[in-house]
Amino acid sequence: MYIQLNSQVIYYEHLGEGEKTLILLHGNGEDHTIFDELCQKLSQDFDIYALDSRGQGLSATPKEYHYEDMADDVLNLISSLSIKNPAIFGFSDGGIVALLAEIKSPGSFSHIIAAGANTTPDALSFGARREIKREFKKTGSPLSELMLKEPHISFDALSTISCPTLLLGGQKDLISQKEFKKMEDAIGNSTLEILSGEDHGSYVIHSAKTTPKIKEFILGI
């Protein structure tokens, strides 16, 4: 389904039979279909909105890419559809956007799960930054450029997040575990879990591995 949010057209899928609403946000250069397997497992327990971020998937292409604008898209969608007290699961760029949305509009979410998120490009491994720079030089992709220039989330800003927050990272993640720990320290009501044997996206992209963690963290089951 398409929705006009101010000047931005966003595509989203709406599915599920549960009473609790869950918003899903994918990572850089992906779309909502990375959550297909997860949605199959969660559809009986959640009312799910899986979004395509601006310029990705079936959503319209903007003139510029900024995480702050993507956070506004999420908040505008919540307002436009009168979604009440949703939880949100964001992977990589989606995790950044989820955190920014709560910082911009405190109390927007009942729970946040941020998987593989970072507060600064400097938290990316040297190898990851080198590969992204190579990709940007080759293609000029604004999405690659985005990862090299943003985000810039201060730990003071993170400290304003008060809703229960679960931070997930892979043992072999391209985000440093030091970064994850700093985020946990900054967000008062947060828990960090480093997943053994997993890389940046192996437990999220076309995977239902996080199903029990999501259900336990948000629903307590």
N, C-alpha and C. Protein backbone atom coordinates (compact mmCIF):
# COMPACT_ATOMS: atom_id res chain seq x y z
N MET A 1 0.83 -1.19 0.00
CA MET A 1 0.00 0.00 0.00
C MET A 1 0.88 1.25 0.00
N TYR A 2 0.37 2.29 -0.66
CA TYR A 2 1.10 3.55 -0.72
C TYR A 2 0.41 4.59 0.16
N ILE A 3 1.23 5.47 0.74
CA ILE A 3 0.67 6.56 1.52
C ILE A 3 1.49 7.82 1.25
N GLN A 4 0.81 8.95 1.09
CA GLN A 4 1.46 10.24 0.90
C GLN A 4 1.71 10.86 2.25
N LEU A 5 2.97 11.09 2.57
CA LEU A 5 3.36 11.69 3.86
C LEU A 5 4.06 13.00 3.58
N ASN A 6 3.31 14.07 3.64
CA ASN A 6 3.82 15.38 3.21
C ASN A 6 4.29 15.26 1.77
N SER A 7 5.58 15.48 1.50
CA SER A 7 6.07 15.42 0.13
C SER A 7 6.63 14.05 -0.25
N GLN A 8 6.52 13.08 0.65
CA GLN A 8 7.14 11.78 0.42
C GLN A 8 6.08 10.68 0.30
N VAL A 9 6.21 9.85 -0.72
CA VAL A 9 5.35 8.69 -0.88
C VAL A 9 6.08 7.45 -0.35
N ILE A 10 5.44 6.78 0.59
CA ILE A 10 6.03 5.60 1.23
C ILE A 10 5.15 4.38 0.94
N TYR A 11 5.82 3.28 0.63
CA TYR A 11 5.12 2.01 0.45
C TYR A 11 5.26 1.17 1.72
N TYR A 12 4.17 0.49 2.10
CA TYR A 12 4.23 -0.39 3.26
C TYR A 12 3.30 -1.58 3.06
N GLU A 13 3.62 -2.65 3.75
CA GLU A 13 2.74 -3.82 3.81
C GLU A 13 2.12 -3.87 5.19
N HIS A 14 0.84 -4.19 5.25
CA HIS A 14 0.12 -4.30 6.52
C HIS A 14 -0.45 -5.71 6.61
N LEU A 15 -0.04 -6.43 7.63
CA LEU A 15 -0.49 -7.81 7.79
C LEU A 15 -0.49 -8.17 9.27
N GLY A 16 -1.05 -9.33 9.57
CA GLY A 16 -1.03 -9.83 10.94
C GLY A 16 -2.37 -9.74 11.62
N GLU A 17 -2.51 -10.52 12.68
CA GLU A 17 -3.79 -10.64 13.38
C GLU A 17 -3.70 -10.27 14.86
N GLY A 18 -2.53 -9.90 15.32
CA GLY A 18 -2.36 -9.61 16.74
C GLY A 18 -2.87 -8.24 17.14
N GLU A 19 -3.07 -8.06 18.44
CA GLU A 19 -3.53 -6.76 18.95
C GLU A 19 -2.38 -5.76 19.07
N LYS A 20 -1.17 -6.24 19.29
CA LYS A 20 -0.02 -5.36 19.45
C LYS A 20 0.58 -4.99 18.10
N THR A 21 0.78 -3.70 17.86
CA THR A 21 1.33 -3.23 16.60
C THR A 21 2.85 -3.24 16.63
N LEU A 22 3.45 -3.74 15.53
CA LEU A 22 4.90 -3.78 15.38
C LEU A 22 5.26 -3.19 14.02
N ILE A 23 6.15 -2.20 14.05
CA ILE A 23 6.67 -1.58 12.83
C ILE A 23 8.03 -2.17 12.52
N LEU A 24 8.27 -2.54 11.26
CA LEU A 24 9.53 -3.14 10.83
C LEU A 24 10.24 -2.21 9.85
N LEU A 25 11.53 -1.95 10.10
CA LEU A 25 12.33 -1.07 9.25
C LEU A 25 13.58 -1.80 8.79
N HIS A 26 13.77 -1.88 7.48
CA HIS A 26 14.90 -2.60 6.90
C HIS A 26 16.17 -1.76 6.89
N GLY A 27 17.25 -2.37 6.37
CA GLY A 27 18.54 -1.70 6.30
C GLY A 27 18.80 -1.04 4.96
N ASN A 28 19.99 -0.52 4.79
CA ASN A 28 20.39 0.29 3.64
C ASN A 28 20.32 -0.52 2.35
N GLY A 29 19.59 0.01 1.35
CA GLY A 29 19.50 -0.61 0.05
C GLY A 29 18.61 -1.83 -0.02
N GLU A 30 17.85 -2.08 1.03
CA GLU A 30 16.96 -3.25 1.08
C GLU A 30 15.51 -2.79 0.95
N ASP A 31 14.58 -3.69 1.26
CA ASP A 31 13.18 -3.32 1.32
C ASP A 31 12.48 -4.23 2.33
N HIS A 32 11.16 -4.07 2.46
CA HIS A 32 10.42 -4.78 3.50
C HIS A 32 10.47 -6.29 3.35
N THR A 33 10.81 -6.79 2.14
CA THR A 33 10.77 -8.23 1.93
C THR A 33 11.84 -8.99 2.69
N ILE A 34 12.85 -8.29 3.23
CA ILE A 34 13.84 -9.01 4.04
C ILE A 34 13.20 -9.58 5.30
N PHE A 35 11.99 -9.09 5.65
CA PHE A 35 11.30 -9.56 6.84
C PHE A 35 10.22 -10.60 6.53
N ASP A 36 10.17 -11.11 5.31
CA ASP A 36 9.10 -12.04 4.94
C ASP A 36 9.04 -13.25 5.88
N GLU A 37 10.17 -13.85 6.13
CA GLU A 37 10.20 -15.04 6.99
C GLU A 37 9.82 -14.69 8.44
N LEU A 38 10.28 -13.54 8.90
CA LEU A 38 9.95 -13.09 10.24
C LEU A 38 8.47 -12.81 10.37
N CYS A 39 7.89 -12.16 9.36
CA CYS A 39 6.46 -11.83 9.39
C CYS A 39 5.60 -13.10 9.46
N GLN A 40 6.02 -14.14 8.77
CA GLN A 40 5.27 -15.39 8.81
C GLN A 40 5.18 -15.92 10.24
N LYS A 41 6.26 -15.75 10.99
CA LYS A 41 6.30 -16.26 12.36
C LYS A 41 5.57 -15.34 13.35
N LEU A 42 5.50 -14.05 13.03
CA LEU A 42 4.95 -13.08 13.98
C LEU A 42 3.50 -12.67 13.68
N SER A 43 2.98 -13.08 12.54
CA SER A 43 1.69 -12.55 12.09
C SER A 43 0.52 -12.90 13.00
N GLN A 44 0.61 -13.97 13.76
CA GLN A 44 -0.48 -14.34 14.67
C GLN A 44 -0.44 -13.53 15.96
N ASP A 45 0.71 -12.95 16.26
CA ASP A 45 0.87 -12.24 17.53
C ASP A 45 0.93 -10.73 17.39
N PHE A 46 1.14 -10.23 16.16
CA PHE A 46 1.31 -8.80 15.96
C PHE A 46 0.50 -8.29 14.78
N ASP A 47 0.13 -7.03 14.85
CA ASP A 47 -0.41 -6.26 13.74
C ASP A 47 0.80 -5.54 13.14
N ILE A 48 1.25 -5.96 11.96
CA ILE A 48 2.57 -5.58 11.44
C ILE A 48 2.47 -4.56 10.31
N TYR A 49 3.31 -3.53 10.40
CA TYR A 49 3.52 -2.58 9.32
C TYR A 49 4.99 -2.69 8.91
N ALA A 50 5.26 -3.19 7.71
CA ALA A 50 6.62 -3.32 7.19
C ALA A 50 6.83 -2.28 6.10
N LEU A 51 7.73 -1.34 6.34
CA LEU A 51 7.90 -0.18 5.46
C LEU A 51 9.06 -0.36 4.48
N ASP A 52 8.93 0.30 3.33
CA ASP A 52 10.07 0.55 2.46
C ASP A 52 10.52 1.98 2.73
N SER A 53 11.76 2.15 3.19
CA SER A 53 12.27 3.49 3.45
C SER A 53 12.36 4.29 2.16
N ARG A 54 12.30 5.60 2.29
CA ARG A 54 12.32 6.49 1.11
C ARG A 54 13.47 6.15 0.18
N GLY A 55 13.15 6.10 -1.12
CA GLY A 55 14.15 5.82 -2.12
C GLY A 55 14.56 4.37 -2.22
N GLN A 56 13.86 3.50 -1.51
CA GLN A 56 14.20 2.08 -1.50
C GLN A 56 12.92 1.26 -1.67
N GLY A 57 13.07 0.05 -2.23
CA GLY A 57 11.89 -0.75 -2.48
C GLY A 57 10.94 -0.03 -3.42
N LEU A 58 9.68 0.06 -3.02
CA LEU A 58 8.65 0.69 -3.86
C LEU A 58 8.33 2.12 -3.44
N SER A 59 9.07 2.65 -2.47
CA SER A 59 8.85 4.04 -2.04
C SER A 59 9.49 5.01 -3.02
N ALA A 60 8.96 6.22 -3.05
CA ALA A 60 9.44 7.24 -3.98
C ALA A 60 10.86 7.69 -3.64
N THR A 61 11.58 8.14 -4.67
CA THR A 61 12.96 8.59 -4.50
C THR A 61 12.99 10.07 -4.11
N PRO A 62 13.65 10.40 -3.01
CA PRO A 62 13.73 11.80 -2.58
C PRO A 62 14.90 12.52 -3.26
N LYS A 63 14.95 13.83 -3.10
CA LYS A 63 16.07 14.60 -3.64
C LYS A 63 17.34 14.34 -2.83
N GLU A 64 17.18 14.14 -1.52
CA GLU A 64 18.32 13.89 -0.65
C GLU A 64 17.97 12.77 0.32
N TYR A 65 19.01 12.15 0.87
CA TYR A 65 18.82 11.07 1.85
C TYR A 65 19.41 11.49 3.19
N HIS A 66 18.56 11.50 4.21
CA HIS A 66 19.01 11.77 5.57
C HIS A 66 18.21 10.89 6.52
N TYR A 67 18.88 10.37 7.54
CA TYR A 67 18.19 9.53 8.51
C TYR A 67 17.10 10.30 9.26
N GLU A 68 17.35 11.56 9.50
CA GLU A 68 16.35 12.39 10.18
C GLU A 68 15.04 12.42 9.39
N ASP A 69 15.14 12.52 8.07
CA ASP A 69 13.95 12.54 7.23
C ASP A 69 13.23 11.19 7.26
N MET A 70 14.00 10.11 7.29
CA MET A 70 13.40 8.78 7.37
C MET A 70 12.66 8.60 8.70
N ALA A 71 13.23 9.18 9.75
CA ALA A 71 12.55 9.13 11.05
C ALA A 71 11.24 9.91 10.98
N ASP A 72 11.25 11.06 10.30
CA ASP A 72 10.02 11.82 10.12
C ASP A 72 8.98 11.02 9.35
N ASP A 73 9.42 10.25 8.35
CA ASP A 73 8.49 9.42 7.59
C ASP A 73 7.77 8.44 8.50
N VAL A 74 8.52 7.81 9.40
CA VAL A 74 7.92 6.84 10.31
C VAL A 74 6.92 7.53 11.24
N LEU A 75 7.31 8.66 11.79
CA LEU A 75 6.42 9.39 12.69
C LEU A 75 5.17 9.89 11.96
N ASN A 76 5.35 10.33 10.72
CA ASN A 76 4.20 10.79 9.94
C ASN A 76 3.26 9.65 9.60
N LEU A 77 3.82 8.47 9.34
CA LEU A 77 2.98 7.31 9.06
C LEU A 77 2.17 6.93 10.30
N ILE A 78 2.80 6.92 11.45
CA ILE A 78 2.10 6.62 12.70
C ILE A 78 0.95 7.59 12.91
N SER A 79 1.21 8.87 12.68
CA SER A 79 0.18 9.88 12.86
C SER A 79 -0.94 9.75 11.83
N SER A 80 -0.55 9.55 10.57
CA SER A 80 -1.55 9.49 9.49
C SER A 80 -2.48 8.29 9.62
N LEU A 81 -1.95 7.17 10.09
CA LEU A 81 -2.74 5.95 10.23
C LEU A 81 -3.31 5.77 11.63
N SER A 82 -3.06 6.76 12.50
CA SER A 82 -3.56 6.72 13.89
C SER A 82 -3.17 5.42 14.59
N ILE A 83 -1.90 5.04 14.42
CA ILE A 83 -1.38 3.84 15.07
C ILE A 83 -1.11 4.15 16.54
N LYS A 84 -1.63 3.31 17.41
CA LYS A 84 -1.53 3.56 18.84
C LYS A 84 -0.45 2.69 19.48
N ASN A 85 0.49 3.35 20.17
CA ASN A 85 1.46 2.68 21.03
C ASN A 85 2.19 1.53 20.35
N PRO A 86 2.78 1.75 19.17
CA PRO A 86 3.46 0.65 18.49
C PRO A 86 4.82 0.33 19.10
N ALA A 87 5.26 -0.90 18.88
CA ALA A 87 6.66 -1.26 19.09
C ALA A 87 7.35 -1.16 17.73
N ILE A 88 8.67 -1.08 17.74
CA ILE A 88 9.39 -0.94 16.46
C ILE A 88 10.65 -1.79 16.48
N PHE A 89 10.90 -2.46 15.37
CA PHE A 89 12.11 -3.26 15.17
C PHE A 89 12.81 -2.69 13.95
N GLY A 90 14.03 -2.20 14.14
CA GLY A 90 14.79 -1.64 13.04
C GLY A 90 16.13 -2.33 12.90
N PHE A 91 16.46 -2.69 11.67
CA PHE A 91 17.74 -3.34 11.39
C PHE A 91 18.69 -2.38 10.68
N SER A 92 19.91 -2.24 11.19
CA SER A 92 20.96 -1.43 10.57
C SER A 92 20.47 0.01 10.40
N ASP A 93 20.32 0.51 9.17
CA ASP A 93 19.77 1.85 8.98
C ASP A 93 18.41 1.99 9.66
N GLY A 94 17.62 0.91 9.62
CA GLY A 94 16.31 0.93 10.27
C GLY A 94 16.41 1.10 11.77
N GLY A 95 17.47 0.54 12.36
CA GLY A 95 17.69 0.74 13.79
C GLY A 95 18.04 2.17 14.11
N ILE A 96 18.87 2.77 13.27
CA ILE A 96 19.21 4.19 13.42
C ILE A 96 17.94 5.03 13.37
N VAL A 97 17.10 4.75 12.38
CA VAL A 97 15.87 5.52 12.19
C VAL A 97 14.93 5.34 13.37
N ALA A 98 14.83 4.13 13.90
CA ALA A 98 13.97 3.88 15.05
C ALA A 98 14.41 4.71 16.26
N LEU A 99 15.70 4.73 16.52
CA LEU A 99 16.22 5.51 17.64
C LEU A 99 15.99 7.00 17.43
N LEU A 100 16.25 7.48 16.22
CA LEU A 100 16.04 8.90 15.93
C LEU A 100 14.58 9.30 16.07
N ALA A 101 13.68 8.42 15.64
CA ALA A 101 12.25 8.75 15.74
C ALA A 101 11.83 8.91 17.19
N GLU A 102 12.33 8.05 18.07
CA GLU A 102 11.97 8.17 19.49
C GLU A 102 12.62 9.41 20.11
N ILE A 103 13.83 9.74 19.68
CA ILE A 103 14.49 10.95 20.18
C ILE A 103 13.71 12.19 19.74
N LYS A 104 13.27 12.20 18.48
CA LYS A 104 12.54 13.35 17.95
C LYS A 104 11.15 13.48 18.56
N SER A 105 10.52 12.35 18.88
CA SER A 105 9.16 12.36 19.42
C SER A 105 9.07 11.36 20.57
N PRO A 106 9.54 11.74 21.75
CA PRO A 106 9.57 10.83 22.90
C PRO A 106 8.19 10.24 23.20
N GLY A 107 8.16 8.97 23.50
CA GLY A 107 6.91 8.30 23.82
C GLY A 107 6.19 7.74 22.61
N SER A 108 6.83 7.79 21.44
CA SER A 108 6.19 7.29 20.22
C SER A 108 6.08 5.77 20.22
N PHE A 109 6.99 5.10 20.93
CA PHE A 109 7.03 3.65 20.87
C PHE A 109 6.96 3.03 22.27
N SER A 110 6.31 1.89 22.35
CA SER A 110 6.26 1.17 23.62
C SER A 110 7.56 0.42 23.86
N HIS A 111 8.15 -0.10 22.78
CA HIS A 111 9.41 -0.84 22.84
C HIS A 111 10.20 -0.54 21.57
N ILE A 112 11.53 -0.55 21.69
CA ILE A 112 12.42 -0.42 20.54
C ILE A 112 13.36 -1.62 20.52
N ILE A 113 13.49 -2.25 19.35
CA ILE A 113 14.55 -3.22 19.12
C ILE A 113 15.40 -2.68 17.98
N ALA A 114 16.67 -2.40 18.27
CA ALA A 114 17.59 -1.88 17.27
C ALA A 114 18.68 -2.91 17.05
N ALA A 115 18.71 -3.47 15.85
CA ALA A 115 19.67 -4.53 15.51
C ALA A 115 20.73 -3.97 14.58
N GLY A 116 21.99 -4.05 14.99
CA GLY A 116 23.08 -3.59 14.13
C GLY A 116 23.06 -2.12 13.83
N ALA A 117 22.63 -1.31 14.80
CA ALA A 117 22.57 0.14 14.62
C ALA A 117 23.88 0.79 15.08
N ASN A 118 24.12 2.00 14.60
CA ASN A 118 25.29 2.76 15.02
C ASN A 118 24.93 4.23 15.17
N THR A 119 25.73 4.95 15.94
CA THR A 119 25.47 6.37 16.18
C THR A 119 26.35 7.28 15.35
N THR A 120 27.37 6.72 14.71
CA THR A 120 28.32 7.50 13.92
C THR A 120 28.95 6.60 12.86
N PRO A 121 29.32 7.14 11.71
CA PRO A 121 30.02 6.32 10.71
C PRO A 121 31.34 5.76 11.23
N ASP A 122 31.94 6.43 12.21
CA ASP A 122 33.21 5.98 12.76
C ASP A 122 33.10 4.64 13.48
N ALA A 123 31.86 4.23 13.81
CA ALA A 123 31.67 2.95 14.50
C ALA A 123 31.72 1.77 13.54
N LEU A 124 31.69 2.04 12.23
CA LEU A 124 31.84 0.98 11.26
C LEU A 124 33.29 0.50 11.24
N SER A 125 33.48 -0.78 11.00
CA SER A 125 34.84 -1.32 10.93
C SER A 125 35.58 -0.70 9.75
N PHE A 126 36.90 -0.74 9.82
CA PHE A 126 37.73 -0.19 8.74
C PHE A 126 37.39 -0.86 7.42
N GLY A 127 37.24 -2.17 7.45
CA GLY A 127 36.92 -2.91 6.23
C GLY A 127 35.57 -2.51 5.65
N ALA A 128 34.59 -2.30 6.52
CA ALA A 128 33.26 -1.90 6.06
C ALA A 128 33.30 -0.52 5.42
N ARG A 129 33.98 0.42 6.06
CA ARG A 129 34.08 1.77 5.50
C ARG A 129 34.81 1.75 4.15
N ARG A 130 35.85 0.95 4.06
CA ARG A 130 36.60 0.85 2.81
C ARG A 130 35.71 0.31 1.69
N GLU A 131 34.90 -0.71 2.00
CA GLU A 131 34.02 -1.30 0.99
C GLU A 131 32.93 -0.33 0.57
N ILE A 132 32.38 0.41 1.53
CA ILE A 132 31.34 1.39 1.21
C ILE A 132 31.92 2.51 0.35
N LYS A 133 33.13 2.97 0.68
CA LYS A 133 33.78 4.01 -0.12
C LYS A 133 34.02 3.52 -1.54
N ARG A 134 34.44 2.26 -1.68
CA ARG A 134 34.66 1.69 -3.00
C ARG A 134 33.36 1.64 -3.79
N GLU A 135 32.29 1.24 -3.12
CA GLU A 135 30.98 1.17 -3.77
C GLU A 135 30.52 2.56 -4.20
N PHE A 136 30.71 3.54 -3.33
CA PHE A 136 30.28 4.91 -3.67
C PHE A 136 31.08 5.46 -4.84
N LYS A 137 32.39 5.21 -4.85
CA LYS A 137 33.24 5.68 -5.94
C LYS A 137 32.81 5.04 -7.26
N LYS A 138 32.38 3.79 -7.20
CA LYS A 138 32.00 3.06 -8.41
C LYS A 138 30.63 3.47 -8.92
N THR A 139 29.68 3.64 -8.01
CA THR A 139 28.28 3.84 -8.41
C THR A 139 27.74 5.23 -8.15
N GLY A 140 28.37 5.97 -7.23
CA GLY A 140 27.83 7.27 -6.83
C GLY A 140 26.53 7.17 -6.08
N SER A 141 26.24 6.01 -5.51
CA SER A 141 24.96 5.79 -4.83
C SER A 141 24.80 6.71 -3.63
N PRO A 142 23.70 7.47 -3.57
CA PRO A 142 23.48 8.33 -2.40
C PRO A 142 23.25 7.53 -1.12
N LEU A 143 22.82 6.29 -1.25
CA LEU A 143 22.64 5.45 -0.06
C LEU A 143 23.99 5.04 0.52
N SER A 144 24.97 4.80 -0.34
CA SER A 144 26.33 4.54 0.16
C SER A 144 26.90 5.78 0.81
N GLU A 145 26.68 6.92 0.17
CA GLU A 145 27.18 8.18 0.73
C GLU A 145 26.55 8.45 2.09
N LEU A 146 25.29 8.11 2.24
CA LEU A 146 24.61 8.31 3.51
C LEU A 146 25.33 7.60 4.65
N MET A 147 25.74 6.36 4.42
CA MET A 147 26.41 5.59 5.47
C MET A 147 27.78 6.16 5.82
N LEU A 148 28.39 6.87 4.86
CA LEU A 148 29.70 7.46 5.11
C LEU A 148 29.61 8.79 5.85
N LYS A 149 28.45 9.45 5.77
CA LYS A 149 28.31 10.80 6.34
C LYS A 149 27.42 10.85 7.58
N GLU A 150 26.55 9.89 7.76
CA GLU A 150 25.61 9.89 8.87
C GLU A 150 25.54 8.48 9.47
N PRO A 151 24.98 8.36 10.68
CA PRO A 151 24.32 9.37 11.51
C PRO A 151 25.31 10.07 12.43
N HIS A 152 24.78 11.03 13.19
CA HIS A 152 25.54 11.70 14.24
C HIS A 152 24.60 11.84 15.44
N ILE A 153 24.47 10.78 16.19
CA ILE A 153 23.57 10.74 17.35
C ILE A 153 24.40 10.84 18.61
N SER A 154 24.20 11.88 19.38
CA SER A 154 24.97 12.04 20.62
C SER A 154 24.45 11.10 21.70
N PHE A 155 25.30 10.80 22.64
CA PHE A 155 24.87 9.94 23.73
C PHE A 155 23.94 10.69 24.68
N ASP A 156 24.02 12.02 24.69
CA ASP A 156 23.03 12.80 25.43
C ASP A 156 21.65 12.61 24.83
N ALA A 157 21.59 12.58 23.49
CA ALA A 157 20.31 12.34 22.82
C ALA A 157 19.80 10.94 23.11
N LEU A 158 20.68 9.96 23.07
CA LEU A 158 20.26 8.59 23.38
C LEU A 158 19.72 8.48 24.80
N SER A 159 20.27 9.27 25.70
CA SER A 159 19.86 9.18 27.11
C SER A 159 18.43 9.64 27.32
N THR A 160 17.84 10.32 26.33
CA THR A 160 16.44 10.76 26.46
C THR A 160 15.46 9.62 26.17
N ILE A 161 15.95 8.52 25.62
CA ILE A 161 15.08 7.38 25.32
C ILE A 161 14.78 6.64 26.62
N SER A 162 13.50 6.54 26.96
CA SER A 162 13.13 5.92 28.22
C SER A 162 12.34 4.62 28.06
N CYS A 163 11.84 4.34 26.87
CA CYS A 163 11.07 3.11 26.68
C CYS A 163 12.02 1.91 26.68
N PRO A 164 11.52 0.73 27.02
CA PRO A 164 12.37 -0.47 26.99
C PRO A 164 13.01 -0.64 25.61
N THR A 165 14.32 -0.82 25.61
CA THR A 165 15.07 -0.91 24.36
C THR A 165 15.98 -2.12 24.38
N LEU A 166 15.91 -2.91 23.33
CA LEU A 166 16.78 -4.08 23.16
C LEU A 166 17.74 -3.79 22.02
N LEU A 167 19.02 -3.84 22.32
CA LEU A 167 20.07 -3.64 21.33
C LEU A 167 20.65 -5.00 20.95
N LEU A 168 20.66 -5.29 19.66
CA LEU A 168 21.18 -6.56 19.18
C LEU A 168 22.37 -6.31 18.26
N GLY A 169 23.35 -7.18 18.33
CA GLY A 169 24.49 -7.12 17.44
C GLY A 169 25.05 -8.50 17.22
N GLY A 170 25.71 -8.69 16.10
CA GLY A 170 26.33 -9.97 15.82
C GLY A 170 27.74 -10.03 16.37
N GLN A 171 28.16 -11.21 16.75
CA GLN A 171 29.53 -11.40 17.23
C GLN A 171 30.54 -10.97 16.17
N LYS A 172 30.18 -11.14 14.89
CA LYS A 172 31.05 -10.78 13.77
C LYS A 172 30.51 -9.55 13.05
N ASP A 173 29.86 -8.68 13.76
CA ASP A 173 29.21 -7.51 13.17
C ASP A 173 30.23 -6.54 12.59
N LEU A 174 29.78 -5.75 11.60
CA LEU A 174 30.64 -4.70 11.07
C LEU A 174 30.58 -3.43 11.92
N ILE A 175 29.70 -3.43 12.93
CA ILE A 175 29.68 -2.38 13.96
C ILE A 175 30.47 -2.88 15.15
N SER A 176 31.29 -2.04 15.74
CA SER A 176 32.12 -2.47 16.85
C SER A 176 31.28 -2.77 18.09
N GLN A 177 31.69 -3.77 18.84
CA GLN A 177 30.98 -4.10 20.07
C GLN A 177 31.15 -2.98 21.11
N LYS A 178 32.21 -2.23 21.00
CA LYS A 178 32.40 -1.06 21.85
C LYS A 178 31.28 -0.05 21.62
N GLU A 179 30.88 0.11 20.36
CA GLU A 179 29.78 1.01 20.03
C GLU A 179 28.47 0.53 20.65
N PHE A 180 28.20 -0.76 20.54
CA PHE A 180 26.98 -1.31 21.14
C PHE A 180 26.95 -1.07 22.65
N LYS A 181 28.11 -1.26 23.29
CA LYS A 181 28.18 -1.08 24.75
C LYS A 181 27.96 0.38 25.13
N LYS A 182 28.50 1.30 24.35
CA LYS A 182 28.29 2.73 24.61
C LYS A 182 26.80 3.08 24.49
N MET A 183 26.13 2.49 23.51
CA MET A 183 24.71 2.74 23.33
C MET A 183 23.92 2.20 24.52
N GLU A 184 24.28 1.02 24.98
CA GLU A 184 23.60 0.45 26.14
C GLU A 184 23.79 1.34 27.36
N ASP A 185 25.00 1.84 27.55
CA ASP A 185 25.28 2.70 28.70
C ASP A 185 24.48 4.01 28.62
N ALA A 186 24.26 4.50 27.41
CA ALA A 186 23.57 5.79 27.24
C ALA A 186 22.07 5.67 27.42
N ILE A 187 21.49 4.56 26.97
CA ILE A 187 20.04 4.38 27.06
C ILE A 187 19.73 3.67 28.37
N GLY A 188 19.11 4.38 29.29
CA GLY A 188 18.94 3.86 30.64
C GLY A 188 18.18 2.55 30.72
N ASN A 189 17.10 2.43 30.00
CA ASN A 189 16.24 1.25 30.08
C ASN A 189 16.52 0.32 28.91
N SER A 190 17.80 -0.08 28.78
CA SER A 190 18.18 -0.88 27.62
C SER A 190 18.92 -2.14 28.03
N THR A 191 18.88 -3.11 27.13
CA THR A 191 19.60 -4.37 27.28
C THR A 191 20.35 -4.64 25.99
N LEU A 192 21.59 -5.10 26.10
CA LEU A 192 22.41 -5.43 24.94
C LEU A 192 22.60 -6.93 24.88
N GLU A 193 22.42 -7.48 23.68
CA GLU A 193 22.68 -8.90 23.46
C GLU A 193 23.53 -9.06 22.20
N ILE A 194 24.71 -9.65 22.37
CA ILE A 194 25.58 -9.96 21.25
C ILE A 194 25.34 -11.42 20.87
N LEU A 195 24.99 -11.65 19.62
CA LEU A 195 24.57 -12.97 19.18
C LEU A 195 25.76 -13.76 18.64
N SER A 196 26.03 -14.86 19.28
CA SER A 196 27.19 -15.70 18.95
C SER A 196 27.11 -16.22 17.52
N GLY A 197 28.22 -16.08 16.80
CA GLY A 197 28.34 -16.64 15.45
C GLY A 197 27.67 -15.84 14.36
N GLU A 198 26.95 -14.77 14.70
CA GLU A 198 26.21 -14.00 13.70
C GLU A 198 27.04 -12.82 13.19
N ASP A 199 26.81 -12.47 11.91
CA ASP A 199 27.43 -11.27 11.37
C ASP A 199 26.42 -10.13 11.40
N HIS A 200 26.62 -9.12 10.57
CA HIS A 200 25.76 -7.93 10.66
C HIS A 200 24.29 -8.24 10.37
N GLY A 201 24.04 -9.04 9.35
CA GLY A 201 22.64 -9.26 8.97
C GLY A 201 22.17 -10.69 8.96
N SER A 202 23.03 -11.62 9.33
CA SER A 202 22.69 -13.04 9.19
C SER A 202 21.48 -13.48 10.01
N TYR A 203 21.22 -12.79 11.10
CA TYR A 203 20.11 -13.18 11.97
C TYR A 203 18.83 -12.37 11.69
N VAL A 204 18.91 -11.48 10.67
CA VAL A 204 17.75 -10.62 10.33
C VAL A 204 17.29 -10.82 8.90
N ILE A 205 18.20 -10.72 7.95
CA ILE A 205 17.83 -10.73 6.53
C ILE A 205 17.32 -12.11 6.13
N HIS A 206 16.05 -12.17 5.75
CA HIS A 206 15.40 -13.44 5.39
C HIS A 206 15.64 -14.50 6.45
N SER A 207 15.48 -14.10 7.68
CA SER A 207 15.67 -15.00 8.81
C SER A 207 14.59 -14.74 9.86
N ALA A 208 14.15 -15.80 10.51
CA ALA A 208 13.18 -15.68 11.60
C ALA A 208 13.83 -15.93 12.96
N LYS A 209 15.16 -15.85 13.01
CA LYS A 209 15.88 -16.17 14.24
C LYS A 209 15.49 -15.27 15.42
N THR A 210 15.10 -14.04 15.13
CA THR A 210 14.78 -13.11 16.23
C THR A 210 13.36 -13.28 16.75
N THR A 211 12.58 -14.18 16.18
CA THR A 211 11.18 -14.36 16.58
C THR A 211 11.01 -14.51 18.09
N PRO A 212 11.71 -15.46 18.74
CA PRO A 212 11.49 -15.60 20.18
C PRO A 212 11.93 -14.39 20.98
N LYS A 213 12.97 -13.71 20.54
CA LYS A 213 13.44 -12.52 21.25
C LYS A 213 12.40 -11.40 21.16
N ILE A 214 11.82 -11.21 19.98
CA ILE A 214 10.81 -10.17 19.79
C ILE A 214 9.59 -10.45 20.66
N LYS A 215 9.11 -11.69 20.62
CA LYS A 215 7.91 -12.04 21.37
C LYS A 215 8.14 -11.93 22.88
N GLU A 216 9.29 -12.35 23.32
CA GLU A 216 9.57 -12.27 24.76
C GLU A 216 9.74 -10.83 25.20
N PHE A 217 10.49 -10.03 24.42
CA PHE A 217 10.78 -8.66 24.82
C PHE A 217 9.54 -7.78 24.80
N ILE A 218 8.72 -7.93 23.78
CA ILE A 218 7.57 -7.04 23.63
C ILE A 218 6.32 -7.57 24.30
N LEU A 219 6.08 -8.87 24.18
CA LEU A 219 4.84 -9.47 24.70
C LEU A 219 5.03 -10.23 26.00
N GLY A 220 6.29 -10.52 26.33
CA GLY A 220 6.54 -11.29 27.56
C GLY A 220 6.17 -12.73 27.45
N ILE A 221 6.19 -13.29 26.22
CA ILE A 221 5.84 -14.71 26.03
C ILE A 221 6.97 -15.46 25.34
